[in-house]
Structures are given as C-alpha cells and as structure tokens.
PDB file of N, CA and C in Angstrom:
ATOM      1  N   MET A   1     -77.111  33.666 -26.525  1.00  0.00           N
ATOM      2  CA  MET A   1     -78.848  33.071 -27.292  1.00  0.00           C
ATOM      3  C   MET A   1     -77.525  33.114 -29.240  1.00  0.00           C
ATOM      4  N   THR A   2     -78.116  31.678 -29.362  1.00  0.00           N
ATOM      5  CA  THR A   2     -77.693  31.222 -30.753  1.00  0.00           C
ATOM      6  C   THR A   2     -79.990  31.759 -30.593  1.00  0.00           C
ATOM      7  N   ILE A   3     -79.594  32.483 -32.335  1.00  0.00           N
ATOM      8  CA  ILE A   3     -81.228  32.721 -32.819  1.00  0.00           C
ATOM      9  C   ILE A   3     -80.778  32.415 -34.207  1.00  0.00           C
ATOM     10  N   ARG A   4     -79.675  31.734 -35.147  1.00  0.00           N
ATOM     11  CA  ARG A   4     -80.064  30.750 -35.972  1.00  0.00           C
ATOM     12  C   ARG A   4     -78.637  30.159 -36.298  1.00  0.00           C
ATOM     13  N   TYR A   5     -79.170  28.781 -37.345  1.00  0.00           N
ATOM     14  CA  TYR A   5     -78.214  28.134 -37.244  1.00  0.00           C
ATOM     15  C   TYR A   5     -78.173  28.135 -39.216  1.00  0.00           C
ATOM     16  N   THR A   6     -76.906  28.344 -39.723  1.00  0.00           N
ATOM     17  CA  THR A   6     -77.384  27.635 -41.401  1.00  0.00           C
ATOM     18  C   THR A   6     -75.957  26.258 -41.638  1.00  0.00           C
ATOM     19  N   LYS A   7     -76.729  25.430 -41.842  1.00  0.00           N
ATOM     20  CA  LYS A   7     -75.978  24.275 -41.764  1.00  0.00           C
ATOM     21  C   LYS A   7     -75.762  24.236 -43.145  1.00  0.00           C
ATOM     22  N   ALA A   8     -74.117  24.982 -43.155  1.00  0.00           N
ATOM     23  CA  ALA A   8     -73.402  25.359 -45.023  1.00  0.00           C
ATOM     24  C   ALA A   8     -72.049  24.020 -45.191  1.00  0.00           C
ATOM     25  N   LYS A   9     -72.490  23.173 -44.523  1.00  0.00           N
ATOM     26  CA  LYS A   9     -71.171  22.431 -44.678  1.00  0.00           C
ATOM     27  C   LYS A   9     -70.988  22.294 -46.357  1.00  0.00           C
ATOM     28  N   SER A  10     -69.746  23.067 -46.934  1.00  0.00           N
ATOM     29  CA  SER A  10     -69.421  22.775 -48.325  1.00  0.00           C
ATOM     30  C   SER A  10     -67.901  22.690 -48.563  1.00  0.00           C
ATOM     31  N   LEU A  11     -67.492  22.381 -49.081  1.00  0.00           N
ATOM     32  CA  LEU A  11     -65.754  22.493 -49.350  1.00  0.00           C
ATOM     33  C   LEU A  11     -65.662  23.440 -49.932  1.00  0.00           C
ATOM     34  N   ILE A  12     -65.082  23.837 -49.811  1.00  0.00           N
ATOM     35  CA  ILE A  12     -64.937  25.562 -50.322  1.00  0.00           C
ATOM     36  C   ILE A  12     -63.115  25.802 -50.798  1.00  0.00           C
ATOM     37  N   PHE A  13     -62.177  24.917 -50.301  1.00  0.00           N
ATOM     38  CA  PHE A  13     -61.202  24.430 -51.502  1.00  0.00           C
ATOM     39  C   PHE A  13     -60.331  23.574 -51.132  1.00  0.00           C
ATOM     40  N   ASP A  14     -59.539  22.977 -51.956  1.00  0.00           N
ATOM     41  CA  ASP A  14     -58.895  21.159 -52.439  1.00  0.00           C
ATOM     42  C   ASP A  14     -58.074  21.797 -53.278  1.00  0.00           C
ATOM     43  N   GLY A  15     -56.879  21.909 -52.414  1.00  0.00           N
ATOM     44  CA  GLY A  15     -55.391  22.249 -52.665  1.00  0.00           C
ATOM     45  C   GLY A  15     -54.430  22.439 -52.483  1.00  0.00           C
ATOM     46  N   PRO A  16     -53.030  22.645 -53.320  1.00  0.00           N
ATOM     47  CA  PRO A  16     -51.765  23.331 -52.263  1.00  0.00           C
ATOM     48  C   PRO A  16     -52.083  24.381 -51.173  1.00  0.00           C
ATOM     49  N   GLU A  17     -51.262  23.487 -50.213  1.00  0.00           N
ATOM     50  CA  GLU A  17     -51.099  25.062 -49.182  1.00  0.00           C
ATOM     51  C   GLU A  17     -51.088  26.129 -49.774  1.00  0.00           C
ATOM     52  N   SER A  18     -49.796  26.171 -50.363  1.00  0.00           N
ATOM     53  CA  SER A  18     -49.628  27.948 -51.311  1.00  0.00           C
ATOM     54  C   SER A  18     -50.845  28.426 -51.867  1.00  0.00           C
ATOM     55  N   GLU A  19     -52.014  27.538 -52.809  1.00  0.00           N
ATOM     56  CA  GLU A  19     -52.679  28.431 -53.286  1.00  0.00           C
ATOM     57  C   GLU A  19     -53.369  29.190 -52.603  1.00  0.00           C
ATOM     58  N   ILE A  20     -53.477  28.729 -51.435  1.00  0.00           N
ATOM     59  CA  ILE A  20     -54.631  29.274 -50.216  1.00  0.00           C
ATOM     60  C   ILE A  20     -54.566  30.530 -49.769  1.00  0.00           C
ATOM     61  N   LEU A  21     -53.509  30.826 -49.755  1.00  0.00           N
ATOM     62  CA  LEU A  21     -52.541  31.674 -48.396  1.00  0.00           C
ATOM     63  C   LEU A  21     -52.967  33.083 -49.522  1.00  0.00           C
ATOM     64  N   ASP A  22     -53.341  33.156 -50.599  1.00  0.00           N
ATOM     65  CA  ASP A  22     -53.465  34.864 -51.790  1.00  0.00           C
ATOM     66  C   ASP A  22     -55.415  34.630 -52.209  1.00  0.00           C
ATOM     67  N   LYS A  23     -55.684  33.518 -52.063  1.00  0.00           N
ATOM     68  CA  LYS A  23     -57.697  33.447 -52.678  1.00  0.00           C
ATOM     69  C   LYS A  23     -58.390  33.630 -51.102  1.00  0.00           C
ATOM     70  N   SER A  24     -59.514  34.585 -51.556  1.00  0.00           N
ATOM     71  CA  SER A  24     -60.654  34.728 -50.810  1.00  0.00           C
ATOM     72  C   SER A  24     -62.170  34.050 -50.973  1.00  0.00           C
ATOM     73  N   PHE A  25     -62.556  33.954 -50.238  1.00  0.00           N
ATOM     74  CA  PHE A  25     -63.684  32.960 -49.942  1.00  0.00           C
ATOM     75  C   PHE A  25     -65.036  33.540 -50.149  1.00  0.00           C
ATOM     76  N   ASN A  26     -65.827  33.865 -51.167  1.00  0.00           N
ATOM     77  CA  ASN A  26     -67.177  34.198 -50.867  1.00  0.00           C
ATOM     78  C   ASN A  26     -67.790  33.063 -50.952  1.00  0.00           C
ATOM     79  N   GLN A  27     -69.032  32.966 -50.168  1.00  0.00           N
ATOM     80  CA  GLN A  27     -70.166  32.262 -50.017  1.00  0.00           C
ATOM     81  C   GLN A  27     -71.408  32.654 -49.539  1.00  0.00           C
ATOM     82  N   ALA A  28     -72.783  31.952 -49.858  1.00  0.00           N
ATOM     83  CA  ALA A  28     -73.871  32.229 -49.338  1.00  0.00           C
ATOM     84  C   ALA A  28     -73.623  32.344 -47.524  1.00  0.00           C
ATOM     85  N   GLY A  29     -75.056  33.631 -46.935  1.00  0.00           N
ATOM     86  CA  GLY A  29     -74.485  34.058 -46.068  1.00  0.00           C
ATOM     87  C   GLY A  29     -73.620  34.302 -45.864  1.00  0.00           C
ATOM     88  N   ILE A  30     -72.798  34.857 -45.913  1.00  0.00           N
ATOM     89  CA  ILE A  30     -71.927  35.983 -45.492  1.00  0.00           C
ATOM     90  C   ILE A  30     -71.604  36.780 -46.317  1.00  0.00           C
ATOM     91  N   SER A  31     -71.366  37.883 -45.380  1.00  0.00           N
ATOM     92  CA  SER A  31     -71.738  39.398 -46.276  1.00  0.00           C
ATOM     93  C   SER A  31     -70.349  39.819 -46.868  1.00  0.00           C
ATOM     94  N   ALA A  32     -69.187  39.405 -46.360  1.00  0.00           N
ATOM     95  CA  ALA A  32     -67.424  39.541 -47.026  1.00  0.00           C
ATOM     96  C   ALA A  32     -66.745  38.598 -47.025  1.00  0.00           C
ATOM     97  N   PRO A  33     -66.163  38.349 -48.428  1.00  0.00           N
ATOM     98  CA  PRO A  33     -65.199  37.549 -48.508  1.00  0.00           C
ATOM     99  C   PRO A  33     -64.327  36.950 -46.941  1.00  0.00           C
ATOM    100  N   ILE A  34     -64.069  35.667 -47.404  1.00  0.00           N
ATOM    101  CA  ILE A  34     -62.848  35.094 -45.805  1.00  0.00           C
ATOM    102  C   ILE A  34     -61.894  34.976 -46.733  1.00  0.00           C
ATOM    103  N   ARG A  35     -60.501  35.255 -46.127  1.00  0.00           N
ATOM    104  CA  ARG A  35     -59.478  35.289 -46.325  1.00  0.00           C
ATOM    105  C   ARG A  35     -58.999  33.988 -45.481  1.00  0.00           C
ATOM    106  N   PHE A  36     -58.126  33.471 -46.033  1.00  0.00           N
ATOM    107  CA  PHE A  36     -56.828  32.674 -44.667  1.00  0.00           C
ATOM    108  C   PHE A  36     -56.550  33.395 -43.540  1.00  0.00           C
ATOM    109  N   ASP A  37     -56.099  34.475 -43.437  1.00  0.00           N
ATOM    110  CA  ASP A  37     -55.889  35.349 -42.753  1.00  0.00           C
ATOM    111  C   ASP A  37     -56.240  35.505 -41.422  1.00  0.00           C
ATOM    112  N   ASP A  38     -58.074  35.575 -41.796  1.00  0.00           N
ATOM    113  CA  ASP A  38     -58.994  36.133 -41.174  1.00  0.00           C
ATOM    114  C   ASP A  38     -59.588  34.896 -39.885  1.00  0.00           C
ATOM    115  N   PHE A  39     -58.885  33.560 -39.960  1.00  0.00           N
ATOM    116  CA  PHE A  39     -59.051  32.441 -39.224  1.00  0.00           C
ATOM    117  C   PHE A  39     -57.913  31.552 -39.064  1.00  0.00           C
ATOM    118  N   ALA A  40     -56.716  31.703 -39.387  1.00  0.00           N
ATOM    119  CA  ALA A  40     -56.225  30.348 -39.667  1.00  0.00           C
ATOM    120  C   ALA A  40     -55.210  31.196 -37.805  1.00  0.00           C
ATOM    121  N   ASN A  41     -55.884  32.293 -37.412  1.00  0.00           N
ATOM    122  CA  ASN A  41     -55.052  31.737 -36.206  1.00  0.00           C
ATOM    123  C   ASN A  41     -56.419  32.144 -34.557  1.00  0.00           C
ATOM    124  N   ASN A  42     -57.964  31.210 -35.193  1.00  0.00           N
ATOM    125  CA  ASN A  42     -58.554  30.858 -34.266  1.00  0.00           C
ATOM    126  C   ASN A  42     -58.813  29.865 -34.014  1.00  0.00           C
ATOM    127  N   ASN A  43     -58.191  28.970 -33.487  1.00  0.00           N
ATOM    128  CA  ASN A  43     -58.858  27.415 -32.658  1.00  0.00           C
ATOM    129  C   ASN A  43     -60.075  27.558 -32.087  1.00  0.00           C
ATOM    130  N   PHE A  44     -60.888  26.801 -32.737  1.00  0.00           N
ATOM    131  CA  PHE A  44     -62.294  26.501 -32.537  1.00  0.00           C
ATOM    132  C   PHE A  44     -62.341  26.765 -31.249  1.00  0.00           C
ATOM    133  N   GLU A  45     -61.326  25.677 -30.474  1.00  0.00           N
ATOM    134  CA  GLU A  45     -61.325  25.663 -28.475  1.00  0.00           C
ATOM    135  C   GLU A  45     -61.740  26.893 -27.681  1.00  0.00           C
ATOM    136  N   ASP A  46     -60.705  28.226 -29.136  1.00  0.00           N
ATOM    137  CA  ASP A  46     -60.293  29.314 -28.290  1.00  0.00           C
ATOM    138  C   ASP A  46     -61.976  30.508 -28.322  1.00  0.00           C
ATOM    139  N   LEU A  47     -63.185  30.245 -29.195  1.00  0.00           N
ATOM    140  CA  LEU A  47     -63.871  30.641 -28.764  1.00  0.00           C
ATOM    141  C   LEU A  47     -64.545  30.743 -28.122  1.00  0.00           C
ATOM    142  N   GLN A  48     -64.794  29.454 -27.231  1.00  0.00           N
ATOM    143  CA  GLN A  48     -65.360  29.730 -25.380  1.00  0.00           C
ATOM    144  C   GLN A  48     -64.788  30.816 -24.696  1.00  0.00           C
ATOM    145  N   GLN A  49     -64.298  31.580 -25.344  1.00  0.00           N
ATOM    146  CA  GLN A  49     -63.434  32.743 -24.027  1.00  0.00           C
ATOM    147  C   GLN A  49     -63.931  34.346 -25.129  1.00  0.00           C
ATOM    148  N   VAL A  50     -64.870  33.334 -26.008  1.00  0.00           N
ATOM    149  CA  VAL A  50     -65.394  34.956 -26.858  1.00  0.00           C
ATOM    150  C   VAL A  50     -66.666  35.153 -26.813  1.00  0.00           C
ATOM    151  N   ILE A  51     -67.914  33.971 -26.983  1.00  0.00           N
ATOM    152  CA  ILE A  51     -68.621  34.053 -26.552  1.00  0.00           C
ATOM    153  C   ILE A  51     -69.041  33.214 -25.196  1.00  0.00           C
ATOM    154  N   ASN A  52     -70.774  33.397 -25.120  1.00  0.00           N
ATOM    155  CA  ASN A  52     -70.954  32.708 -23.684  1.00  0.00           C
ATOM    156  C   ASN A  52     -70.886  30.768 -23.789  1.00  0.00           C
ATOM    157  N   ASN A  53     -70.898  30.250 -22.827  1.00  0.00           N
ATOM    158  CA  ASN A  53     -70.913  29.031 -23.073  1.00  0.00           C
ATOM    159  C   ASN A  53     -71.784  28.279 -23.434  1.00  0.00           C
ATOM    160  N   ASP A  54     -73.104  28.650 -22.997  1.00  0.00           N
ATOM    161  CA  ASP A  54     -74.153  28.315 -23.712  1.00  0.00           C
ATOM    162  C   ASP A  54     -74.181  28.390 -25.401  1.00  0.00           C
ATOM    163  N   ASP A  55     -73.910  28.958 -25.849  1.00  0.00           N
ATOM    164  CA  ASP A  55     -73.599  29.112 -27.351  1.00  0.00           C
ATOM    165  C   ASP A  55     -72.533  28.707 -27.964  1.00  0.00           C
ATOM    166  N   PHE A  56     -71.200  28.178 -26.917  1.00  0.00           N
ATOM    167  CA  PHE A  56     -70.677  27.694 -27.928  1.00  0.00           C
ATOM    168  C   PHE A  56     -71.219  26.487 -27.690  1.00  0.00           C
ATOM    169  N   GLU A  57     -71.717  25.966 -26.585  1.00  0.00           N
ATOM    170  CA  GLU A  57     -72.514  24.354 -26.523  1.00  0.00           C
ATOM    171  C   GLU A  57     -73.863  23.865 -27.838  1.00  0.00           C
ATOM    172  N   SER A  58     -74.418  25.354 -27.688  1.00  0.00           N
ATOM    173  CA  SER A  58     -74.766  24.649 -28.597  1.00  0.00           C
ATOM    174  C   SER A  58     -74.502  25.201 -30.279  1.00  0.00           C
ATOM    175  N   ILE A  59     -73.481  25.502 -30.706  1.00  0.00           N
ATOM    176  CA  ILE A  59     -72.742  25.498 -31.470  1.00  0.00           C
ATOM    177  C   ILE A  59     -72.049  23.953 -32.032  1.00  0.00           C
ATOM    178  N   VAL A  60     -71.727  23.478 -30.370  1.00  0.00           N
ATOM    179  CA  VAL A  60     -71.323  22.659 -30.616  1.00  0.00           C
ATOM    180  C   VAL A  60     -72.016  21.375 -31.350  1.00  0.00           C
ATOM    181  N   LYS A  61     -73.303  20.969 -30.215  1.00  0.00           N
ATOM    182  CA  LYS A  61     -73.983  20.256 -30.538  1.00  0.00           C
ATOM    183  C   LYS A  61     -75.012  20.176 -32.131  1.00  0.00           C
ATOM    184  N   THR A  62     -75.619  21.138 -32.887  1.00  0.00           N
ATOM    185  CA  THR A  62     -75.730  21.696 -33.878  1.00  0.00           C
ATOM    186  C   THR A  62     -74.923  21.623 -34.530  1.00  0.00           C
ATOM    187  N   GLY A  63     -73.540  21.793 -34.875  1.00  0.00           N
ATOM    188  CA  GLY A  63     -72.607  21.115 -35.648  1.00  0.00           C
ATOM    189  C   GLY A  63     -72.393  19.694 -35.579  1.00  0.00           C
ATOM    190  N   GLY A  64     -72.785  19.184 -34.603  1.00  0.00           N
ATOM    191  CA  GLY A  64     -71.987  17.819 -34.367  1.00  0.00           C
ATOM    192  C   GLY A  64     -70.539  17.580 -34.343  1.00  0.00           C
ATOM    193  N   PHE A  65     -69.459  18.531 -34.094  1.00  0.00           N
ATOM    194  CA  PHE A  65     -68.537  18.830 -33.401  1.00  0.00           C
ATOM    195  C   PHE A  65     -68.098  17.762 -32.561  1.00  0.00           C
ATOM    196  N   VAL A  66     -67.257  16.450 -32.489  1.00  0.00           N
ATOM    197  CA  VAL A  66     -66.503  16.122 -31.215  1.00  0.00           C
ATOM    198  C   VAL A  66     -65.091  16.631 -30.871  1.00  0.00           C
ATOM    199  N   PRO A  67     -64.739  16.771 -29.966  1.00  0.00           N
ATOM    200  CA  PRO A  67     -63.137  16.551 -29.689  1.00  0.00           C
ATOM    201  C   PRO A  67     -62.853  15.712 -29.601  1.00  0.00           C
ATOM    202  N   ASP A  68     -61.164  15.705 -30.337  1.00  0.00           N
ATOM    203  CA  ASP A  68     -60.422  14.373 -30.297  1.00  0.00           C
ATOM    204  C   ASP A  68     -60.481  13.447 -29.125  1.00  0.00           C
ATOM    205  N   ARG A  69     -59.371  12.697 -28.804  1.00  0.00           N
ATOM    206  CA  ARG A  69     -58.931  11.892 -27.885  1.00  0.00           C
ATOM    207  C   ARG A  69     -58.163  12.256 -27.048  1.00  0.00           C
ATOM    208  N   GLY A  70     -57.640  12.779 -27.947  1.00  0.00           N
ATOM    209  CA  GLY A  70     -56.153  13.592 -27.680  1.00  0.00           C
ATOM    210  C   GLY A  70     -56.122  14.475 -25.978  1.00  0.00           C
ATOM    211  N   PHE A  71     -54.840  14.498 -25.479  1.00  0.00           N
ATOM    212  CA  PHE A  71     -54.742  15.733 -24.291  1.00  0.00           C
ATOM    213  C   PHE A  71     -55.196  16.571 -24.586  1.00  0.00           C
ATOM    214  N   LEU A  72     -55.204  17.516 -25.224  1.00  0.00           N
ATOM    215  CA  LEU A  72     -56.168  18.740 -26.251  1.00  0.00           C
ATOM    216  C   LEU A  72     -57.314  19.200 -26.189  1.00  0.00           C
ATOM    217  N   ASN A  73     -57.921  17.790 -26.332  1.00  0.00           N
ATOM    218  CA  ASN A  73     -59.387  18.221 -26.468  1.00  0.00           C
ATOM    219  C   ASN A  73     -59.898  19.024 -28.209  1.00  0.00           C
ATOM    220  N   LEU A  74     -59.005  18.574 -28.863  1.00  0.00           N
ATOM    221  CA  LEU A  74     -59.175  19.236 -30.307  1.00  0.00           C
ATOM    222  C   LEU A  74     -60.439  18.790 -30.999  1.00  0.00           C
ATOM    223  N   TYR A  75     -61.121  20.591 -31.150  1.00  0.00           N
ATOM    224  CA  TYR A  75     -62.203  19.674 -31.935  1.00  0.00           C
ATOM    225  C   TYR A  75     -61.923  19.637 -33.713  1.00  0.00           C
ATOM    226  N   LYS A  76     -62.716  18.583 -33.779  1.00  0.00           N
ATOM    227  CA  LYS A  76     -62.207  18.223 -35.786  1.00  0.00           C
ATOM    228  C   LYS A  76     -63.819  18.147 -36.445  1.00  0.00           C
ATOM    229  N   ASN A  77     -63.669  18.175 -37.972  1.00  0.00           N
ATOM    230  CA  ASN A  77     -65.009  17.752 -38.978  1.00  0.00           C
ATOM    231  C   ASN A  77     -64.925  16.835 -38.586  1.00  0.00           C
ATOM    232  N   SER A  78     -65.378  15.983 -39.880  1.00  0.00           N
ATOM    233  CA  SER A  78     -66.147  14.707 -39.602  1.00  0.00           C
ATOM    234  C   SER A  78     -64.600  13.608 -40.996  1.00  0.00           C
ATOM    235  N   ASP A  79     -64.414  15.320 -41.493  1.00  0.00           N
ATOM    236  CA  ASP A  79     -63.025  14.389 -42.487  1.00  0.00           C
ATOM    237  C   ASP A  79     -61.894  14.584 -41.790  1.00  0.00           C
ATOM    238  N   GLY A  80     -61.719  15.105 -40.214  1.00  0.00           N
ATOM    239  CA  GLY A  80     -60.661  14.867 -38.951  1.00  0.00           C
ATOM    240  C   GLY A  80     -59.772  16.063 -39.376  1.00  0.00           C
ATOM    241  N   LEU A  81     -60.401  16.947 -40.016  1.00  0.00           N
ATOM    242  CA  LEU A  81     -60.263  18.125 -40.107  1.00  0.00           C
ATOM    243  C   LEU A  81     -60.109  19.313 -38.918  1.00  0.00           C
ATOM    244  N   ARG A  82     -59.273  19.649 -38.907  1.00  0.00           N
ATOM    245  CA  ARG A  82     -59.401  20.664 -37.258  1.00  0.00           C
ATOM    246  C   ARG A  82     -59.625  21.641 -37.686  1.00  0.00           C
ATOM    247  N   LEU A  83     -61.024  22.461 -36.689  1.00  0.00           N
ATOM    248  CA  LEU A  83     -61.921  23.602 -36.283  1.00  0.00           C
ATOM    249  C   LEU A  83     -61.772  24.502 -36.561  1.00  0.00           C
ATOM    250  N   TYR A  84     -61.774  25.868 -37.019  1.00  0.00           N
ATOM    251  CA  TYR A  84     -61.250  27.198 -36.781  1.00  0.00           C
ATOM    252  C   TYR A  84     -62.687  27.721 -36.756  1.00  0.00           C
ATOM    253  N   TYR A  85     -62.862  29.411 -36.456  1.00  0.00           N
ATOM    254  CA  TYR A  85     -63.345  29.911 -36.592  1.00  0.00           C
ATOM    255  C   TYR A  85     -62.717  31.893 -36.354  1.00  0.00           C
ATOM    256  N   TYR A  86     -64.249  32.372 -37.429  1.00  0.00           N
ATOM    257  CA  TYR A  86     -64.339  33.053 -37.958  1.00  0.00           C
ATOM    258  C   TYR A  86     -65.565  34.244 -37.236  1.00  0.00           C
ATOM    259  N   LYS A  87     -65.031  35.222 -36.409  1.00  0.00           N
ATOM    260  CA  LYS A  87     -66.540  36.475 -36.005  1.00  0.00           C
ATOM    261  C   LYS A  87     -66.594  37.118 -36.319  1.00  0.00           C
ATOM    262  N   LYS A  88     -68.027  37.773 -36.638  1.00  0.00           N
ATOM    263  CA  LYS A  88     -67.478  39.142 -37.616  1.00  0.00           C
ATOM    264  C   LYS A  88     -69.286  39.365 -36.703  1.00  0.00           C
ATOM    265  N   ASN A  89     -68.972  40.984 -36.194  1.00  0.00           N
ATOM    266  CA  ASN A  89     -69.970  41.203 -35.110  1.00  0.00           C
ATOM    267  C   ASN A  89     -70.130  39.809 -34.508  1.00  0.00           C
ATOM    268  N   ASN A  90     -72.040  39.618 -34.932  1.00  0.00           N
ATOM    269  CA  ASN A  90     -72.652  38.176 -34.548  1.00  0.00           C
ATOM    270  C   ASN A  90     -72.692  37.281 -35.092  1.00  0.00           C
ATOM    271  N   THR A  91     -71.617  37.187 -35.963  1.00  0.00           N
ATOM    272  CA  THR A  91     -72.590  35.997 -36.535  1.00  0.00           C
ATOM    273  C   THR A  91     -70.969  35.390 -37.009  1.00  0.00           C
ATOM    274  N   ILE A  92     -71.070  34.034 -35.822  1.00  0.00           N
ATOM    275  CA  ILE A  92     -69.587  33.130 -36.020  1.00  0.00           C
ATOM    276  C   ILE A  92     -69.587  31.838 -37.334  1.00  0.00           C
ATOM    277  N   ILE A  93     -68.620  32.232 -38.161  1.00  0.00           N
ATOM    278  CA  ILE A  93     -68.293  30.764 -39.028  1.00  0.00           C
ATOM    279  C   ILE A  93     -67.437  29.996 -38.752  1.00  0.00           C
ATOM    280  N   VAL A  94     -67.992  28.200 -39.070  1.00  0.00           N
ATOM    281  CA  VAL A  94     -66.963  27.739 -38.424  1.00  0.00           C
ATOM    282  C   VAL A  94     -66.363  26.866 -39.563  1.00  0.00           C
ATOM    283  N   LEU A  95     -64.934  27.011 -39.951  1.00  0.00           N
ATOM    284  CA  LEU A  95     -64.723  25.853 -40.812  1.00  0.00           C
ATOM    285  C   LEU A  95     -63.505  24.419 -40.255  1.00  0.00           C
ATOM    286  N   ALA A  96     -63.532  24.035 -41.109  1.00  0.00           N
ATOM    287  CA  ALA A  96     -62.217  23.324 -41.050  1.00  0.00           C
ATOM    288  C   ALA A  96     -61.804  23.134 -42.070  1.00  0.00           C
ATOM    289  N   TYR A  97     -59.931  23.051 -41.617  1.00  0.00           N
ATOM    290  CA  TYR A  97     -58.714  23.373 -43.038  1.00  0.00           C
ATOM    291  C   TYR A  97     -58.026  22.435 -42.071  1.00  0.00           C
ATOM    292  N   GLY A  98     -57.208  21.243 -42.704  1.00  0.00           N
ATOM    293  CA  GLY A  98     -56.015  21.154 -42.932  1.00  0.00           C
ATOM    294  C   GLY A  98     -55.268  19.939 -44.088  1.00  0.00           C
ATOM    295  N   GLU A  99     -54.456  19.375 -43.489  1.00  0.00           N
ATOM    296  CA  GLU A  99     -53.552  18.680 -44.795  1.00  0.00           C
ATOM    297  C   GLU A  99     -54.679  17.214 -44.675  1.00  0.00           C
ATOM    298  N   PHE A 100     -55.206  16.985 -45.730  1.00  0.00           N
ATOM    299  CA  PHE A 100     -56.128  15.745 -45.924  1.00  0.00           C
ATOM    300  C   PHE A 100     -55.376  14.378 -46.523  1.00  0.00           C
ATOM    301  N   GLN A 101     -54.576  15.049 -47.655  1.00  0.00           N
ATOM    302  CA  GLN A 101     -53.081  14.039 -48.213  1.00  0.00           C
ATOM    303  C   GLN A 101     -51.824  14.208 -48.382  1.00  0.00           C
ATOM    304  N   PRO A 102     -50.709  14.042 -48.319  1.00  0.00           N
ATOM    305  CA  PRO A 102     -49.337  14.677 -48.371  1.00  0.00           C
ATOM    306  C   PRO A 102     -49.626  15.734 -49.547  1.00  0.00           C
ATOM    307  N   GLY A 103     -49.715  17.084 -49.316  1.00  0.00           N
ATOM    308  CA  GLY A 103     -49.603  18.052 -50.214  1.00  0.00           C
ATOM    309  C   GLY A 103     -51.035  18.568 -50.177  1.00  0.00           C
ATOM    310  N   ARG A 104     -51.771  18.044 -50.175  1.00  0.00           N
ATOM    311  CA  ARG A 104     -53.849  18.129 -50.435  1.00  0.00           C
ATOM    312  C   ARG A 104     -54.523  19.047 -49.261  1.00  0.00           C
ATOM    313  N   TYR A 105     -54.543  20.031 -49.479  1.00  0.00           N
ATOM    314  CA  TYR A 105     -55.128  20.657 -47.831  1.00  0.00           C
ATOM    315  C   TYR A 105     -56.678  20.964 -49.003  1.00  0.00           C
ATOM    316  N   MET A 106     -57.384  21.064 -47.983  1.00  0.00           N
ATOM    317  CA  MET A 106     -58.951  21.115 -47.892  1.00  0.00           C
ATOM    318  C   MET A 106     -59.517  22.056 -46.383  1.00  0.00           C
ATOM    319  N   LEU A 107     -60.659  22.734 -47.181  1.00  0.00           N
ATOM    320  CA  LEU A 107     -61.060  24.510 -46.461  1.00  0.00           C
ATOM    321  C   LEU A 107     -62.292  23.553 -46.730  1.00  0.00           C
ATOM    322  N   TYR A 108     -63.386  23.444 -45.475  1.00  0.00           N
ATOM    323  CA  TYR A 108     -64.653  23.271 -45.264  1.00  0.00           C
ATOM    324  C   TYR A 108     -65.438  24.440 -44.825  1.00  0.00           C
ATOM    325  N   MET A 109     -66.512  25.295 -44.881  1.00  0.00           N
ATOM    326  CA  MET A 109     -67.116  25.488 -44.334  1.00  0.00           C
ATOM    327  C   MET A 109     -67.865  25.037 -43.879  1.00  0.00           C
ATOM    328  N   GLU A 110     -68.493  24.601 -42.327  1.00  0.00           N
ATOM    329  CA  GLU A 110     -69.015  23.603 -41.320  1.00  0.00           C
ATOM    330  C   GLU A 110     -70.183  24.518 -41.575  1.00  0.00           C
ATOM    331  N   GLY A 111     -70.424  26.026 -41.091  1.00  0.00           N
ATOM    332  CA  GLY A 111     -71.834  26.304 -41.129  1.00  0.00           C
ATOM    333  C   GLY A 111     -72.383  27.235 -40.128  1.00  0.00           C
ATOM    334  N   VAL A 112     -72.853  28.190 -40.057  1.00  0.00           N
ATOM    335  CA  VAL A 112     -72.910  30.130 -39.988  1.00  0.00           C
ATOM    336  C   VAL A 112     -73.849  30.319 -38.950  1.00  0.00           C
ATOM    337  N   TRP A 113     -73.330  30.990 -37.720  1.00  0.00           N
ATOM    338  CA  TRP A 113     -74.355  30.780 -36.583  1.00  0.00           C
ATOM    339  C   TRP A 113     -74.585  32.005 -36.389  1.00  0.00           C
ATOM    340  N   LEU A 114     -75.557  32.739 -35.674  1.00  0.00           N
ATOM    341  CA  LEU A 114     -76.102  34.222 -35.394  1.00  0.00           C
ATOM    342  C   LEU A 114     -76.702  34.364 -34.005  1.00  0.00           C
ATOM    343  N   ILE A 115     -75.529  34.901 -33.697  1.00  0.00           N
ATOM    344  CA  ILE A 115     -75.573  34.451 -32.038  1.00  0.00           C
ATOM    345  C   ILE A 115     -76.373  36.310 -31.290  1.00  0.00           C
ATOM    346  N   ASP A 116     -77.077  36.179 -30.083  1.00  0.00           N
ATOM    347  CA  ASP A 116     -77.335  37.649 -29.733  1.00  0.00           C
ATOM    348  C   ASP A 116     -75.951  37.924 -29.066  1.00  0.00           C
ATOM    349  N   ILE A 117     -75.380  39.342 -29.234  1.00  0.00           N
ATOM    350  CA  ILE A 117     -74.901  39.301 -28.336  1.00  0.00           C
ATOM    351  C   ILE A 117     -75.049  40.476 -27.646  1.00  0.00           C
ATOM    352  N   ALA A 118     -76.067  40.167 -26.138  1.00  0.00           N
ATOM    353  CA  ALA A 118     -76.511  41.192 -25.551  1.00  0.00           C
ATOM    354  C   ALA A 118     -75.799  42.192 -24.527  1.00  0.00           C
TER     355      ALA A 118
END
C-alpha cells in the first residue's frame, strides 16, 4: 500500500552523458545521494516484479505515467524520456533519463513514493 507520495518533478541534470557518470545527486526527501549506477539498470517496467501490483498501479496513476504505444509498452515521462526507478528500503524514487537533443542528456526526478512493505 502506498503510504505517501511526494511530487518532486525537478530537473537534476542537463548536459553531456559523460558528465553524469561520476555525479551524485542530493535531493530533498532522499536520505542518501543517488548515482547513475543506482538506477541505470532499473527500468521502470521491472518495478512490477519488485513491488505488488496495487502499489505499481498507484505509482503509475499518481505519477501520470503512460506507456508508449510500442510493442514493449515502455513508460515515459512528459518529455518522452524513459523511466527508471531506485528503491531503497520502502522508498521508491522514479527518475526519467535520456537523450533530449543530440548530445544533450537530461535527468528528472519524477517523484518519491513511500510504500508499506509488509
């Protein structure tokens, strides 16, 4: 069950991809910095296997995320960037990352969800 949701959409990186690899990001509502390696292998769609379906659907609904119309049904943010997640204990952080323009990569923190892992 989702206990708390914080809408935190904010741009936390905008630049060349080579610069994001060594950065860490401190954001309000997050106890420890997030690094690129913390989320890069965690596609948002895989979150369904980590938490229960009701919580996943709640995150999709409250975050306003919609799958693209491709055969993989990949979830994207409002700028069309691919969604990823970072999970620490009972906190789920959803991030959007990708190439926005040639050579320009953007990273958004989309929101923070606290869920009950009973």
